[in-house]
C-alpha atoms as a PDB file:
ATOM      1  CA  MET A   1     -23.944 -53.759 -50.792  1.00  0.00           C
ATOM      2  CA  SER A   2     -27.032 -52.982 -48.444  1.00  0.00           C
ATOM      3  CA  LEU A   3     -29.785 -50.705 -49.213  1.00  0.00           C
ATOM      4  CA  PHE A   4     -28.682 -48.200 -46.682  1.00  0.00           C
ATOM      5  CA  ALA A   5     -25.170 -47.943 -48.105  1.00  0.00           C
ATOM      6  CA  SER A   6     -26.438 -47.340 -51.561  1.00  0.00           C
ATOM      7  CA  GLU A   7     -28.621 -44.423 -50.389  1.00  0.00           C
ATOM      8  CA  TYR A   8     -25.882 -42.833 -48.487  1.00  0.00           C
ATOM      9  CA  ILE A   9     -25.142 -39.272 -49.965  1.00  0.00           C
ATOM     10  CA  PRO A  10     -22.356 -37.382 -48.307  1.00  0.00           C
ATOM     11  CA  LEU A  11     -22.901 -33.716 -47.230  1.00  0.00           C
ATOM     12  CA  PRO A  12     -21.040 -31.074 -49.188  1.00  0.00           C
ATOM     13  CA  PRO A  13     -17.800 -29.881 -47.530  1.00  0.00           C
ATOM     14  CA  SER A  14     -19.372 -26.524 -46.475  1.00  0.00           C
ATOM     15  CA  GLN A  15     -21.914 -28.325 -44.407  1.00  0.00           C
ATOM     16  CA  GLN A  16     -19.617 -31.048 -42.826  1.00  0.00           C
ATOM     17  CA  ARG A  17     -18.952 -30.583 -39.160  1.00  0.00           C
ATOM     18  CA  ARG A  18     -15.401 -29.521 -38.449  1.00  0.00           C
ATOM     19  CA  SER A  19     -13.517 -31.881 -36.120  1.00  0.00           C
ATOM     20  CA  SER A  20     -10.988 -29.230 -34.823  1.00  0.00           C
ATOM     21  CA  VAL A  21     -11.234 -25.610 -33.694  1.00  0.00           C
ATOM     22  CA  ASP A  22      -8.954 -22.969 -34.765  1.00  0.00           C
ATOM     23  CA  ILE A  23      -7.431 -20.812 -31.976  1.00  0.00           C
ATOM     24  CA  ARG A  24      -5.535 -17.745 -32.889  1.00  0.00           C
ATOM     25  CA  GLY A  25      -2.409 -17.276 -30.699  1.00  0.00           C
ATOM     26  CA  GLN A  26       1.068 -16.086 -30.539  1.00  0.00           C
ATOM     27  CA  SER A  27       3.921 -17.944 -29.217  1.00  0.00           C
ATOM     28  CA  VAL A  28       6.394 -16.214 -26.942  1.00  0.00           C
ATOM     29  CA  ASN A  29       9.887 -16.984 -25.882  1.00  0.00           C
ATOM     30  CA  SER A  30      10.536 -18.744 -22.534  1.00  0.00           C
ATOM     31  CA  ASP A  31      12.557 -15.684 -21.445  1.00  0.00           C
ATOM     32  CA  ILE A  32       9.426 -13.545 -21.510  1.00  0.00           C
ATOM     33  CA  LEU A  33       8.388 -13.336 -17.890  1.00  0.00           C
ATOM     34  CA  VAL A  34       6.162 -10.337 -17.850  1.00  0.00           C
ATOM     35  CA  ALA A  35       2.731  -9.888 -19.599  1.00  0.00           C
ATOM     36  CA  LEU A  36       4.146  -7.186 -21.887  1.00  0.00           C
ATOM     37  CA  LEU A  37       5.056  -7.998 -25.391  1.00  0.00           C
ATOM     38  CA  ASP A  38       6.065  -4.572 -26.338  1.00  0.00           C
ATOM     39  CA  ARG A  39       7.602  -3.788 -23.089  1.00  0.00           C
ATOM     40  CA  PRO A  40       8.758   0.009 -23.371  1.00  0.00           C
ATOM     41  CA  GLY A  41       5.382   0.878 -25.204  1.00  0.00           C
ATOM     42  CA  GLU A  42       3.110  -1.020 -22.738  1.00  0.00           C
ATOM     43  CA  MET A  43       4.980   0.409 -19.703  1.00  0.00           C
ATOM     44  CA  HIS A  44       4.234   4.117 -21.068  1.00  0.00           C
ATOM     45  CA  ALA A  45       0.545   2.848 -21.182  1.00  0.00           C
ATOM     46  CA  LEU A  46       0.597   1.574 -17.686  1.00  0.00           C
ATOM     47  CA  THR A  47       2.102   4.884 -16.487  1.00  0.00           C
ATOM     48  CA  ALA A  48      -0.736   6.706 -18.124  1.00  0.00           C
ATOM     49  CA  ARG A  49      -3.359   4.516 -16.391  1.00  0.00           C
ATOM     50  CA  ASN A  50      -1.808   4.435 -12.952  1.00  0.00           C
ATOM     51  CA  THR A  51      -0.366   7.918 -12.457  1.00  0.00           C
ATOM     52  CA  HIS A  52      -0.985   7.980  -8.740  1.00  0.00           C
ATOM     53  CA  PHE A  53       0.956   4.821  -8.238  1.00  0.00           C
ATOM     54  CA  TYR A  54       4.126   6.021 -10.270  1.00  0.00           C
ATOM     55  CA  THR A  55       3.897   9.498  -8.610  1.00  0.00           C
ATOM     56  CA  ALA A  56       4.293   7.683  -5.375  1.00  0.00           C
ATOM     57  CA  LEU A  57       7.254   5.467  -6.643  1.00  0.00           C
ATOM     58  CA  LYS A  58       8.924   8.802  -7.978  1.00  0.00           C
ATOM     59  CA  ASN A  59       8.595  10.550  -4.495  1.00  0.00           C
ATOM     60  CA  TYR A  60       9.743   7.317  -2.740  1.00  0.00           C
ATOM     61  CA  ILE A  61      12.933   6.697  -4.851  1.00  0.00           C
ATOM     62  CA  THR A  62      13.690  10.510  -4.933  1.00  0.00           C
ATOM     63  CA  GLU A  63      13.411  10.939  -1.184  1.00  0.00           C
ATOM     64  CA  THR A  64      15.248   7.846  -0.202  1.00  0.00           C
ATOM     65  CA  GLN A  65      17.956   7.414  -2.913  1.00  0.00           C
ATOM     66  CA  GLY A  66      17.995  10.792  -4.730  1.00  0.00           C
ATOM     67  CA  ALA A  67      17.140  12.379  -7.926  1.00  0.00           C
ATOM     68  CA  ASP A  68      19.761  10.345  -9.877  1.00  0.00           C
ATOM     69  CA  ALA A  69      18.497   7.085  -8.646  1.00  0.00           C
ATOM     70  CA  TRP A  70      14.928   8.150 -10.105  1.00  0.00           C
ATOM     71  CA  LEU A  71      16.602   8.857 -13.602  1.00  0.00           C
ATOM     72  CA  ARG A  72      18.290   5.498 -13.484  1.00  0.00           C
ATOM     73  CA  PHE A  73      15.035   3.837 -12.479  1.00  0.00           C
ATOM     74  CA  GLN A  74      13.283   5.307 -15.603  1.00  0.00           C
ATOM     75  CA  GLU A  75      15.942   4.347 -17.772  1.00  0.00           C
ATOM     76  CA  ILE A  76      15.393   0.805 -16.799  1.00  0.00           C
ATOM     77  CA  VAL A  77      11.779   0.763 -16.734  1.00  0.00           C
ATOM     78  CA  TYR A  78      11.611   1.800 -20.312  1.00  0.00           C
ATOM     79  CA  ALA A  79      14.655  -0.243 -21.597  1.00  0.00           C
ATOM     80  CA  PRO A  80      13.692  -2.659 -24.425  1.00  0.00           C
ATOM     81  CA  ARG A  81      13.699  -6.321 -23.877  1.00  0.00           C
ATOM     82  CA  GLU A  82      16.685  -6.738 -26.285  1.00  0.00           C
ATOM     83  CA  GLU A  83      18.936  -4.711 -23.997  1.00  0.00           C
ATOM     84  CA  ILE A  84      17.755  -5.929 -20.593  1.00  0.00           C
ATOM     85  CA  PRO A  85      15.973  -9.379 -20.458  1.00  0.00           C
ATOM     86  CA  ASP A  86      12.815  -9.721 -18.165  1.00  0.00           C
ATOM     87  CA  ARG A  87      14.661 -11.496 -15.321  1.00  0.00           C
ATOM     88  CA  GLU A  88      17.390  -8.912 -15.176  1.00  0.00           C
ATOM     89  CA  TRP A  89      14.846  -6.214 -15.676  1.00  0.00           C
ATOM     90  CA  ILE A  90      12.859  -7.247 -12.705  1.00  0.00           C
ATOM     91  CA  ASN A  91      15.978  -7.754 -10.548  1.00  0.00           C
ATOM     92  CA  ALA A  92      17.186  -4.287 -11.399  1.00  0.00           C
ATOM     93  CA  ILE A  93      13.910  -2.801 -10.383  1.00  0.00           C
ATOM     94  CA  SER A  94      13.654  -4.712  -7.242  1.00  0.00           C
ATOM     95  CA  ALA A  95      16.960  -3.277  -6.242  1.00  0.00           C
ATOM     96  CA  PHE A  96      15.252   0.193  -6.157  1.00  0.00           C
ATOM     97  CA  LEU A  97      12.329  -1.171  -4.122  1.00  0.00           C
ATOM     98  CA  SER A  98      13.922  -3.595  -1.986  1.00  0.00           C
ATOM     99  CA  HIS A  99      13.103  -1.696   1.317  1.00  0.00           C
ATOM    100  CA  ASN A 100       9.365  -1.196   0.302  1.00  0.00           C
ATOM    101  CA  PRO A 101       7.908  -4.569  -0.523  1.00  0.00           C
ATOM    102  CA  VAL A 102       4.494  -3.099  -0.905  1.00  0.00           C
ATOM    103  CA  PHE A 103       5.620  -1.006  -3.852  1.00  0.00           C
ATOM    104  CA  LEU A 104       7.607  -4.003  -5.265  1.00  0.00           C
ATOM    105  CA  SER A 105       4.661  -6.297  -5.007  1.00  0.00           C
ATOM    106  CA  LYS A 106       2.300  -3.713  -6.724  1.00  0.00           C
ATOM    107  CA  PHE A 107       4.775  -3.212  -9.556  1.00  0.00           C
ATOM    108  CA  LYS A 108       5.127  -6.912 -10.248  1.00  0.00           C
ATOM    109  CA  GLU A 109       1.407  -7.354 -10.136  1.00  0.00           C
ATOM    110  CA  SER A 110       0.860  -4.517 -12.670  1.00  0.00           C
ATOM    111  CA  VAL A 111       3.324  -5.937 -15.144  1.00  0.00           C
ATOM    112  CA  GLY A 112       1.921  -9.555 -14.670  1.00  0.00           C
ATOM    113  CA  TYR A 113       5.082 -10.943 -13.182  1.00  0.00           C
ATOM    114  CA  GLU A 114       5.118 -13.872 -10.830  1.00  0.00           C
ATOM    115  CA  ASP A 115       8.033 -15.883  -9.524  1.00  0.00           C
ATOM    116  CA  ASP A 116       8.382 -18.848  -7.068  1.00  0.00           C
ATOM    117  CA  ASP A 117       9.731 -16.635  -4.316  1.00  0.00           C
ATOM    118  CA  ASP A 118       6.252 -15.158  -3.463  1.00  0.00           C
ATOM    119  CA  TYR A 119       4.722 -18.718  -3.373  1.00  0.00           C
ATOM    120  CA  HIS A 120       7.674 -20.046  -1.144  1.00  0.00           C
ATOM    121  CA  SER A 121       7.350 -17.083   1.305  1.00  0.00           C
ATOM    122  CA  GLU A 122       3.565 -17.818   1.553  1.00  0.00           C
ATOM    123  CA  GLU A 123       4.379 -21.659   2.270  1.00  0.00           C
ATOM    124  CA  ASP A 124       7.050 -20.835   4.809  1.00  0.00           C
ATOM    125  CA  GLU A 125       4.769 -18.534   6.718  1.00  0.00           C
ATOM    126  CA  ASP A 126       1.823 -21.048   6.832  1.00  0.00           C
ATOM    127  CA  SER A 127       4.167 -23.730   7.904  1.00  0.00           C
ATOM    128  CA  SER A 128       5.539 -21.619  10.943  1.00  0.00           C
ATOM    129  CA  PRO A 129       3.597 -22.741  14.043  1.00  0.00           C
ATOM    130  CA  LEU A 130       4.639 -19.799  16.270  1.00  0.00           C
ATOM    131  CA  PRO A 131       5.590 -16.834  14.178  1.00  0.00           C
ATOM    132  CA  SER A 132       7.508 -14.027  15.956  1.00  0.00           C
ATOM    133  CA  PRO A 133       5.662 -10.696  16.766  1.00  0.00           C
ATOM    134  CA  ARG A 134       7.367  -8.918  13.763  1.00  0.00           C
ATOM    135  CA  GLN A 135       6.508 -11.721  11.390  1.00  0.00           C
ATOM    136  CA  SER A 136       2.813 -11.836  12.422  1.00  0.00           C
ATOM    137  CA  TYR A 137       2.226  -8.287  11.308  1.00  0.00           C
ATOM    138  CA  TYR A 138       2.438  -9.276   7.643  1.00  0.00           C
ATOM    139  CA  TYR A 139       0.636 -12.018   5.650  1.00  0.00           C
ATOM    140  CA  TYR A 140       0.051 -13.042   2.179  1.00  0.00           C
ATOM    141  CA  ASP A 141      -3.446 -13.061   0.699  1.00  0.00           C
ATOM    142  CA  ASP A 142      -4.160 -14.240  -2.837  1.00  0.00           C
ATOM    143  CA  ASP A 143      -7.893 -13.205  -2.688  1.00  0.00           C
ATOM    144  CA  ASP A 144      -7.055  -9.474  -2.073  1.00  0.00           C
ATOM    145  CA  GLU A 145      -5.987  -8.311  -5.324  1.00  0.00           C
ATOM    146  CA  GLY A 146      -2.703 -10.184  -5.329  1.00  0.00           C
ATOM    147  CA  VAL A 147      -1.247  -7.723  -2.867  1.00  0.00           C
ATOM    148  CA  VAL A 148       1.335  -9.079  -0.577  1.00  0.00           C
ATOM    149  CA  GLY A 149       2.811  -7.737   2.645  1.00  0.00           C
ATOM    150  CA  LYS A 150      -0.565  -6.747   4.235  1.00  0.00           C
ATOM    151  CA  ARG A 151      -0.360  -5.626   7.741  1.00  0.00           C
ATOM    152  CA  ARG A 152      -1.886  -8.015  10.291  1.00  0.00           C
ATOM    153  CA  ARG A 153      -2.529  -7.260  13.895  1.00  0.00           C
ATOM    154  CA  SER A 154      -5.065  -8.152  16.490  1.00  0.00           C
ATOM    155  CA  ARG A 155      -6.831  -5.052  17.561  1.00  0.00           C
ATOM    156  CA  GLN A 156      -7.841  -4.303  21.071  1.00  0.00           C
ATOM    157  CA  SER A 157     -11.304  -4.376  22.248  1.00  0.00           C
ATOM    158  CA  SER A 158     -12.833  -0.677  22.400  1.00  0.00           C
ATOM    159  CA  GLY A 159     -13.500  -1.176  25.982  1.00  0.00           C
ATOM    160  CA  GLY A 160     -10.116  -2.561  27.021  1.00  0.00           C
ATOM    161  CA  GLY A 161      -8.375   0.814  26.516  1.00  0.00           C
ATOM    162  CA  GLY A 162      -4.983  -0.616  25.913  1.00  0.00           C
ATOM    163  CA  ALA A 163      -4.509  -2.752  28.892  1.00  0.00           C
ATOM    164  CA  SER A 164      -5.346  -6.280  27.431  1.00  0.00           C
ATOM    165  CA  ARG A 165      -5.705  -8.027  24.076  1.00  0.00           C
ATOM    166  CA  SER A 166      -8.539 -10.086  22.922  1.00  0.00           C
ATOM    167  CA  SER A 167      -7.985 -13.772  23.260  1.00  0.00           C
ATOM    168  CA  MET A 168      -9.620 -14.295  20.027  1.00  0.00           C
ATOM    169  CA  MET A 169      -7.780 -13.375  16.789  1.00  0.00           C
ATOM    170  CA  ARG A 170      -9.972 -10.864  14.915  1.00  0.00           C
ATOM    171  CA  PRO A 171      -9.846 -10.500  11.083  1.00  0.00           C
ATOM    172  CA  PRO A 172      -6.571  -8.698  10.253  1.00  0.00           C
ATOM    173  CA  PRO A 173      -7.086  -5.015   9.433  1.00  0.00           C
ATOM    174  CA  THR A 174      -4.807  -3.354   6.927  1.00  0.00           C
ATOM    175  CA  TYR A 175      -3.193   0.121   7.182  1.00  0.00           C
ATOM    176  CA  GLU A 176      -1.582   0.565   3.599  1.00  0.00           C
ATOM    177  CA  CYS A 177      -3.603   3.593   3.091  1.00  0.00           C
ATOM    178  CA  LEU A 178      -1.528   5.391   5.730  1.00  0.00           C
ATOM    179  CA  LEU A 179       1.354   5.337   3.504  1.00  0.00           C
ATOM    180  CA  ALA A 180      -0.308   8.052   1.490  1.00  0.00           C
ATOM    181  CA  LEU A 181       0.964  10.510   4.199  1.00  0.00           C
ATOM    182  CA  ARG A 182       4.641   9.703   3.352  1.00  0.00           C
ATOM    183  CA  ASP A 183       3.776  10.403  -0.388  1.00  0.00           C
ATOM    184  CA  TYR A 184       3.678  14.172   0.576  1.00  0.00           C
ATOM    185  CA  PRO A 185       6.662  14.672   2.834  1.00  0.00           C
ATOM    186  CA  ASN A 186       6.094  18.534   3.085  1.00  0.00           C
ATOM    187  CA  ILE A 187       2.600  17.859   4.475  1.00  0.00           C
ATOM    188  CA  GLN A 188       3.681  14.930   6.709  1.00  0.00           C
ATOM    189  CA  ALA A 189       6.426  16.974   8.476  1.00  0.00           C
ATOM    190  CA  ARG A 190       3.987  19.684   9.338  1.00  0.00           C
ATOM    191  CA  LEU A 191       1.012  17.414   9.972  1.00  0.00           C
ATOM    192  CA  PRO A 192       0.285  18.836  13.495  1.00  0.00           C
ATOM    193  CA  LEU A 193      -0.159  22.372  11.936  1.00  0.00           C
ATOM    194  CA  MET A 194      -1.999  21.199   8.949  1.00  0.00           C
ATOM    195  CA  CYS A 195      -4.539  19.047  10.952  1.00  0.00           C
ATOM    196  CA  PRO A 196      -4.639  20.898  14.404  1.00  0.00           C
ATOM    197  CA  ALA A 197      -8.224  19.410  15.257  1.00  0.00           C
ATOM    198  CA  TYR A 198      -6.949  15.746  15.003  1.00  0.00           C
ATOM    199  CA  PHE A 199      -3.888  16.505  17.146  1.00  0.00           C
ATOM    200  CA  ARG A 200      -5.806  18.358  19.714  1.00  0.00           C
ATOM    201  CA  LYS A 201      -7.991  15.302  20.099  1.00  0.00           C
ATOM    202  CA  ALA A 202      -4.976  13.031  20.319  1.00  0.00           C
ATOM    203  CA  ARG A 203      -3.468  15.145  23.066  1.00  0.00           C
ATOM    204  CA  GLN A 204      -6.616  15.007  25.056  1.00  0.00           C
ATOM    205  CA  LEU A 205      -6.958  11.259  24.653  1.00  0.00           C
ATOM    206  CA  MET A 206      -3.461  10.490  25.378  1.00  0.00           C
ATOM    207  CA  SER A 207      -3.401  12.590  28.369  1.00  0.00           C
ATOM    208  CA  LEU A 208      -5.694   9.935  29.932  1.00  0.00           C
ATOM    209  CA  ALA A 209      -3.834   7.020  31.303  1.00  0.00           C
ATOM    210  CA  PRO A 210      -4.619   3.781  29.567  1.00  0.00           C
ATOM    211  CA  SER A 211      -6.964   1.832  31.694  1.00  0.00           C
ATOM    212  CA  ALA A 212      -9.191  -1.280  31.372  1.00  0.00           C
ATOM    213  CA  SER A 213     -12.077   0.518  33.432  1.00  0.00           C
ATOM    214  CA  ARG A 214     -15.204   1.323  31.510  1.00  0.00           C
ATOM    215  CA  SER A 215     -15.542   4.725  32.859  1.00  0.00           C
ATOM    216  CA  ASN A 216     -12.327   5.810  30.907  1.00  0.00           C
ATOM    217  CA  ALA A 217     -13.682   4.448  27.826  1.00  0.00           C
ATOM    218  CA  VAL A 218     -16.873   6.267  28.128  1.00  0.00           C
ATOM    219  CA  ARG A 219     -14.842   9.450  28.772  1.00  0.00           C
ATOM    220  CA  ARG A 220     -12.789   8.963  25.686  1.00  0.00           C
ATOM    221  CA  ASN A 221     -15.910   8.446  23.583  1.00  0.00           C
ATOM    222  CA  SER A 222     -17.351  11.655  24.940  1.00  0.00           C
ATOM    223  CA  ILE A 223     -14.263  13.570  23.928  1.00  0.00           C
ATOM    224  CA  LEU A 224     -14.323  11.947  20.425  1.00  0.00           C
ATOM    225  CA  GLU A 225     -17.834  13.203  19.726  1.00  0.00           C
ATOM    226  CA  GLU A 226     -16.851  16.720  20.692  1.00  0.00           C
ATOM    227  CA  VAL A 227     -14.016  17.123  18.118  1.00  0.00           C
ATOM    228  CA  ASP A 228     -14.237  17.035  14.340  1.00  0.00           C
ATOM    229  CA  VAL A 229     -10.785  15.859  13.086  1.00  0.00           C
ATOM    230  CA  MET A 230     -11.511  17.112   9.585  1.00  0.00           C
ATOM    231  CA  ASP A 231     -12.162  20.660  10.882  1.00  0.00           C
ATOM    232  CA  ASP A 232      -8.736  22.587  10.430  1.00  0.00           C
ATOM    233  CA  SER A 233     -10.054  25.906  11.735  1.00  0.00           C
ATOM    234  CA  THR A 234      -7.950  27.061  14.571  1.00  0.00           C
ATOM    235  CA  GLY A 235      -6.991  30.166  16.366  1.00  0.00           C
ATOM    236  CA  GLY A 236      -3.386  31.730  16.968  1.00  0.00           C
ATOM    237  CA  ASP A 237      -3.274  30.081  20.550  1.00  0.00           C
ATOM    238  CA  ASP A 238      -4.030  26.676  19.220  1.00  0.00           C
ATOM    239  CA  GLU A 239      -1.375  26.803  16.476  1.00  0.00           C
ATOM    240  CA  GLN A 240       1.299  27.730  18.996  1.00  0.00           C
ATOM    241  CA  ARG A 241       0.269  24.725  21.210  1.00  0.00           C
ATOM    242  CA  PHE A 242       1.043  22.187  18.378  1.00  0.00           C
ATOM    243  CA  ASN A 243       4.690  22.177  17.922  1.00  0.00           C
ATOM    244  CA  MET A 244       6.574  20.466  15.096  1.00  0.00           C
ATOM    245  CA  CYS A 245       7.683  16.833  15.401  1.00  0.00           C
ATOM    246  CA  ASP A 246      10.986  17.533  16.931  1.00  0.00           C
ATOM    247  CA  GLN A 247       9.855  17.112  20.624  1.00  0.00           C
ATOM    248  CA  ASP A 248      12.176  15.264  22.989  1.00  0.00           C
ATOM    249  CA  SER A 249       9.500  14.364  25.546  1.00  0.00           C
ATOM    250  CA  GLU A 250       8.853  10.713  25.972  1.00  0.00           C
ATOM    251  CA  GLY A 251       5.145  11.078  26.558  1.00  0.00           C
ATOM    252  CA  PRO A 252       2.751   9.074  24.351  1.00  0.00           C
ATOM    253  CA  TYR A 253       1.458  12.160  22.588  1.00  0.00           C
ATOM    254  CA  GLU A 254       4.912  13.398  21.749  1.00  0.00           C
ATOM    255  CA  HIS A 255       6.101  10.097  20.720  1.00  0.00           C
ATOM    256  CA  PHE A 256       3.288   9.788  18.472  1.00  0.00           C
ATOM    257  CA  CYS A 257       4.032  13.187  16.889  1.00  0.00           C
ATOM    258  CA  GLN A 258       7.718  12.142  16.307  1.00  0.00           C
ATOM    259  CA  VAL A 259       6.584   8.924  14.561  1.00  0.00           C
ATOM    260  CA  VAL A 260       3.839  10.203  12.431  1.00  0.00           C
ATOM    261  CA  CYS A 261       6.058  12.927  11.044  1.00  0.00           C
ATOM    262  CA  THR A 262       8.997  10.787  10.178  1.00  0.00           C
ATOM    263  CA  THR A 263       9.465  11.002   6.342  1.00  0.00           C
ATOM    264  CA  ARG A 264      10.883   8.396   4.130  1.00  0.00           C
ATOM    265  CA  GLN A 265      14.097  10.415   3.975  1.00  0.00           C
ATOM    266  CA  GLU A 266      14.479   9.754   7.752  1.00  0.00           C
ATOM    267  CA  GLN A 267      13.053   6.127   7.830  1.00  0.00           C
ATOM    268  CA  PRO A 268      12.954   4.531   4.322  1.00  0.00           C
ATOM    269  CA  ASP A 269      11.216   1.285   5.643  1.00  0.00           C
ATOM    270  CA  ASP A 270       7.630   1.744   5.129  1.00  0.00           C
ATOM    271  CA  GLU A 271       6.932  -1.371   7.098  1.00  0.00           C
ATOM    272  CA  ALA A 272       8.798  -0.092  10.099  1.00  0.00           C
ATOM    273  CA  TRP A 273       6.974   3.027  10.011  1.00  0.00           C
ATOM    274  CA  LEU A 274       3.542   1.530   9.937  1.00  0.00           C
ATOM    275  CA  ASP A 275       4.469  -0.804  12.612  1.00  0.00           C
ATOM    276  CA  ALA A 276       5.724   2.217  14.854  1.00  0.00           C
ATOM    277  CA  ILE A 277       2.399   4.154  13.925  1.00  0.00           C
ATOM    278  CA  VAL A 278       0.087   1.327  15.061  1.00  0.00           C
ATOM    279  CA  GLU A 279       2.079   0.850  18.232  1.00  0.00           C
ATOM    280  CA  SER A 280       2.005   4.404  19.154  1.00  0.00           C
ATOM    281  CA  LEU A 281      -1.721   4.396  18.772  1.00  0.00           C
ATOM    282  CA  ASP A 282      -2.187   1.146  20.616  1.00  0.00           C
ATOM    283  CA  GLY A 283      -5.208   1.721  22.808  1.00  0.00           C
ATOM    284  CA  TRP A 284      -6.636   4.524  20.878  1.00  0.00           C
ATOM    285  CA  PRO A 285      -8.240   2.701  17.716  1.00  0.00           C
ATOM    286  CA  GLN A 286     -10.418   5.726  16.889  1.00  0.00           C
ATOM    287  CA  LEU A 287      -7.199   7.857  16.589  1.00  0.00           C
ATOM    288  CA  LEU A 288      -5.995   5.319  14.139  1.00  0.00           C
ATOM    289  CA  ASP A 289      -9.216   5.392  12.108  1.00  0.00           C
ATOM    290  CA  ASP A 290      -9.258   9.089  11.908  1.00  0.00           C
ATOM    291  CA  LEU A 291      -5.606   9.228  10.686  1.00  0.00           C
ATOM    292  CA  GLU A 292      -6.627   6.833   8.100  1.00  0.00           C
ATOM    293  CA  GLN A 293      -9.303   9.306   6.977  1.00  0.00           C
ATOM    294  CA  ILE A 294      -6.910  12.102   6.742  1.00  0.00           C
ATOM    295  CA  ALA A 295      -4.364   9.793   4.594  1.00  0.00           C
ATOM    296  CA  MET A 296      -7.377   8.943   2.289  1.00  0.00           C
ATOM    297  CA  SER A 297      -8.342  12.610   1.947  1.00  0.00           C
ATOM    298  CA  LEU A 298      -4.883  13.324   0.657  1.00  0.00           C
ATOM    299  CA  ASP A 299      -5.107  10.594  -1.918  1.00  0.00           C
ATOM    300  CA  ALA A 300      -8.485  11.805  -3.109  1.00  0.00           C
ATOM    301  CA  GLN A 301      -7.337  15.478  -3.378  1.00  0.00           C
ATOM    302  CA  ASP A 302      -4.254  14.260  -5.236  1.00  0.00           C
ATOM    303  CA  ASP A 303      -6.328  12.177  -7.723  1.00  0.00           C
ATOM    304  CA  ASP A 304      -8.441  15.342  -8.518  1.00  0.00           C
ATOM    305  CA  GLU A 305      -5.328  17.454  -9.318  1.00  0.00           C
ATOM    306  CA  GLN A 306      -3.848  14.667 -11.612  1.00  0.00           C
ATOM    307  CA  GLN A 307      -7.089  14.337 -13.633  1.00  0.00           C
ATOM    308  CA  GLN A 308      -6.642  18.089 -14.253  1.00  0.00           C
ATOM    309  CA  GLN A 309      -3.096  17.785 -15.295  1.00  0.00           C
ATOM    310  CA  GLY A 310      -3.317  14.857 -17.607  1.00  0.00           C
ATOM    311  CA  SER A 311       0.196  14.359 -18.976  1.00  0.00           C
ATOM    312  CA  PRO A 312       1.682  10.981 -17.875  1.00  0.00           C
ATOM    313  CA  ASP A 313       5.294  11.967 -18.702  1.00  0.00           C
ATOM    314  CA  ALA A 314       5.376  14.304 -15.622  1.00  0.00           C
ATOM    315  CA  TYR A 315       5.218  11.159 -13.331  1.00  0.00           C
ATOM    316  CA  ILE A 316       7.653   8.764 -14.642  1.00  0.00           C
END
């Protein structure tokens, strides 16, 4: 035996370096497809943290499918996994939201559910060389908080005024915030009376024939600078000028009024409604931006009211 071997003294067990790392985990069954172990309990917690979203779900389902459908939806959402497995649970919820892919995608994202259908849809769209105009309005973006069904549309140049489209594709804007208008059907149906300054501006702009001339663009900008769309003060004469959205005229202003006041009860498809809104404001990008401000102001006001109310059981 060598000298080095005779002098070797092993370290005590407490000082020896461990060859493995202990990782605490919990095994889950293969039939668990959502990131909720205690599904009913965690759904109550999700409801409490996302009151605005579930309020919007309640309004949408009640308006489009009736109050009984909303009760059935709640029973399914809070059903235990032993009663309804995850796959059947998601399929049942999807049936209520099949006409609103934005809501459905948001719900799946909130419960941590992913299926192959979303990825196949993305691959199919990427592989299509010439999408139809209807298909080109929507795209899938994994970098945008997992939200699918984003609106995509090339906006007109501000100087073009509606006659021509830019030959270069611009970054696709999104208009989901406009859906907040549909969360408040009583306000949406009376929007010309609730926001008279905005509709007064819309009437003035749409009375100008769309043209590519720079003079019209300058004239539009001058009108925009004179009107504050968030100023709702108006006299009696102004209120009489802005009728409700049941006008039969085919002018651009009357058509826009009919579209923007169409509630989910009349048109359940949010995508079709968004498409019609953008089409009706084609050539008036400032009006579209101002309408987004109105929608976001409704969201902000509703959030303040919900913080004061507090109880999540009132929403779902």
